[in-house]
C-alpha atoms as a PDB file:
ATOM      1  CA  MET A   1      18.072-153.419 270.506  1.00  0.00           C
ATOM      2  CA  ILE A   2      19.951-150.696 272.358  1.00  0.00           C
ATOM      3  CA  LEU A   3      19.649-152.729 275.559  1.00  0.00           C
ATOM      4  CA  VAL A   4      21.365-155.696 273.869  1.00  0.00           C
ATOM      5  CA  TRP A   5      24.166-153.441 272.657  1.00  0.00           C
ATOM      6  CA  VAL A   6      24.639-151.876 276.126  1.00  0.00           C
ATOM      7  CA  MET A   7      24.673-155.315 277.789  1.00  0.00           C
ATOM      8  CA  THR A   8      27.266-156.533 275.293  1.00  0.00           C
ATOM      9  CA  LEU A   9      29.483-153.516 276.001  1.00  0.00           C
ATOM     10  CA  LEU A  10      29.151-153.949 279.765  1.00  0.00           C
ATOM     11  CA  THR A  11      29.914-157.642 279.575  1.00  0.00           C
ATOM     12  CA  ALA A  12      32.994-157.032 277.437  1.00  0.00           C
ATOM     13  CA  ALA A  13      34.175-154.278 279.786  1.00  0.00           C
ATOM     14  CA  CYS A  14      33.988-156.628 282.787  1.00  0.00           C
ATOM     15  CA  ALA A  15      36.632-158.958 281.371  1.00  0.00           C
ATOM     16  CA  ALA A  16      40.026-158.170 282.855  1.00  0.00           C
ATOM     17  CA  PRO A  17      42.535-157.165 280.203  1.00  0.00           C
ATOM     18  CA  GLY A  18      45.296-159.696 279.864  1.00  0.00           C
ATOM     19  CA  ALA A  19      43.525-162.177 282.121  1.00  0.00           C
ATOM     20  CA  PRO A  20      44.765-165.720 281.557  1.00  0.00           C
ATOM     21  CA  ALA A  21      42.409-168.106 279.861  1.00  0.00           C
ATOM     22  CA  VAL A  22      40.891-170.794 282.041  1.00  0.00           C
ATOM     23  CA  GLN A  23      42.755-174.026 281.432  1.00  0.00           C
ATOM     24  CA  GLN A  24      40.966-177.335 281.387  1.00  0.00           C
ATOM     25  CA  PRO A  25      42.506-180.109 283.492  1.00  0.00           C
ATOM     26  CA  GLN A  26      44.489-182.657 281.552  1.00  0.00           C
ATOM     27  CA  ASP A  27      43.208-186.192 281.348  1.00  0.00           C
ATOM     28  CA  THR A  28      45.363-188.370 283.613  1.00  0.00           C
ATOM     29  CA  GLY A  29      43.409-191.570 283.218  1.00  0.00           C
ATOM     30  CA  GLY A  30      40.151-192.825 284.562  1.00  0.00           C
ATOM     31  CA  ALA A  31      36.717-193.649 283.287  1.00  0.00           C
ATOM     32  CA  GLY A  32      36.333-192.729 279.663  1.00  0.00           C
ATOM     33  CA  SER A  33      40.065-192.434 278.972  1.00  0.00           C
ATOM     34  CA  GLY A  34      40.644-196.170 278.939  1.00  0.00           C
ATOM     35  CA  GLY A  35      43.340-195.968 281.604  1.00  0.00           C
ATOM     36  CA  PRO A  36      43.280-196.547 285.341  1.00  0.00           C
ATOM     37  CA  VAL A  37      42.610-193.762 287.843  1.00  0.00           C
ATOM     38  CA  ARG A  38      45.801-192.963 289.750  1.00  0.00           C
ATOM     39  CA  ILE A  39      45.703-192.230 293.483  1.00  0.00           C
ATOM     40  CA  GLY A  40      48.645-191.162 295.605  1.00  0.00           C
ATOM     41  CA  PHE A  41      49.091-192.273 299.208  1.00  0.00           C
ATOM     42  CA  GLY A  42      51.694-190.823 301.520  1.00  0.00           C
ATOM     43  CA  ALA A  43      53.173-191.824 304.861  1.00  0.00           C
ATOM     44  CA  SER A  44      56.593-191.883 306.482  1.00  0.00           C
ATOM     45  CA  GLU A  45      59.199-194.326 305.197  1.00  0.00           C
ATOM     46  CA  ILE A  46      59.042-196.189 308.511  1.00  0.00           C
ATOM     47  CA  GLU A  47      55.409-197.088 307.749  1.00  0.00           C
ATOM     48  CA  ARG A  48      56.055-198.345 304.194  1.00  0.00           C
ATOM     49  CA  SER A  49      56.299-201.980 305.313  1.00  0.00           C
ATOM     50  CA  ARG A  50      52.857-201.668 306.896  1.00  0.00           C
ATOM     51  CA  TYR A  51      51.113-200.053 303.929  1.00  0.00           C
ATOM     52  CA  GLN A  52      52.891-201.543 300.887  1.00  0.00           C
ATOM     53  CA  PRO A  53      51.207-204.994 301.152  1.00  0.00           C
ATOM     54  CA  LEU A  54      47.813-203.284 301.516  1.00  0.00           C
ATOM     55  CA  ILE A  55      48.469-201.103 298.478  1.00  0.00           C
ATOM     56  CA  GLU A  56      49.570-204.106 296.399  1.00  0.00           C
ATOM     57  CA  ALA A  57      46.474-206.094 297.422  1.00  0.00           C
ATOM     58  CA  PHE A  58      44.229-203.134 296.624  1.00  0.00           C
ATOM     59  CA  ASN A  59      45.849-202.615 293.220  1.00  0.00           C
ATOM     60  CA  ALA A  60      45.445-206.328 292.397  1.00  0.00           C
ATOM     61  CA  ALA A  61      41.759-206.285 293.361  1.00  0.00           C
ATOM     62  CA  ASN A  62      40.952-202.973 291.606  1.00  0.00           C
ATOM     63  CA  LEU A  63      42.417-202.963 288.117  1.00  0.00           C
ATOM     64  CA  ASP A  64      40.748-199.651 287.262  1.00  0.00           C
ATOM     65  CA  LEU A  65      42.591-197.907 290.144  1.00  0.00           C
ATOM     66  CA  VAL A  66      46.315-197.617 290.837  1.00  0.00           C
ATOM     67  CA  VAL A  67      47.547-196.497 294.254  1.00  0.00           C
ATOM     68  CA  SER A  68      51.157-195.354 294.502  1.00  0.00           C
ATOM     69  CA  TYR A  69      53.090-194.826 297.723  1.00  0.00           C
ATOM     70  CA  SER A  70      55.005-191.606 298.355  1.00  0.00           C
ATOM     71  CA  GLU A  71      57.277-191.001 301.291  1.00  0.00           C
ATOM     72  CA  LEU A  72      56.302-188.040 303.469  1.00  0.00           C
ATOM     73  CA  ILE A  73      59.097-186.320 305.314  1.00  0.00           C
ATOM     74  CA  TYR A  74      58.197-185.017 308.745  1.00  0.00           C
ATOM     75  CA  TYR A  75      60.171-182.243 310.376  1.00  0.00           C
ATOM     76  CA  SER A  76      60.268-181.712 314.105  1.00  0.00           C
ATOM     77  CA  ALA A  77      60.049-178.247 315.603  1.00  0.00           C
ATOM     78  CA  ASN A  78      62.436-179.255 318.393  1.00  0.00           C
END
């Protein structure tokens, strides 16, 4: 019985005071939520014309997934 009490005290002492609670990720769609899974895809704006038709075809063939295009901005060190 004393061992249980000591273990409880030690376990409680190990918790950091004021430590933030662990947050669960929010549901953003997908299996079980009834909505499509959302996937982001990024490339430079120059490449949009190459990838946009592929993304649209993929989205049409996979109704449970939605791919969205995001422009990536590249900076040169020169």
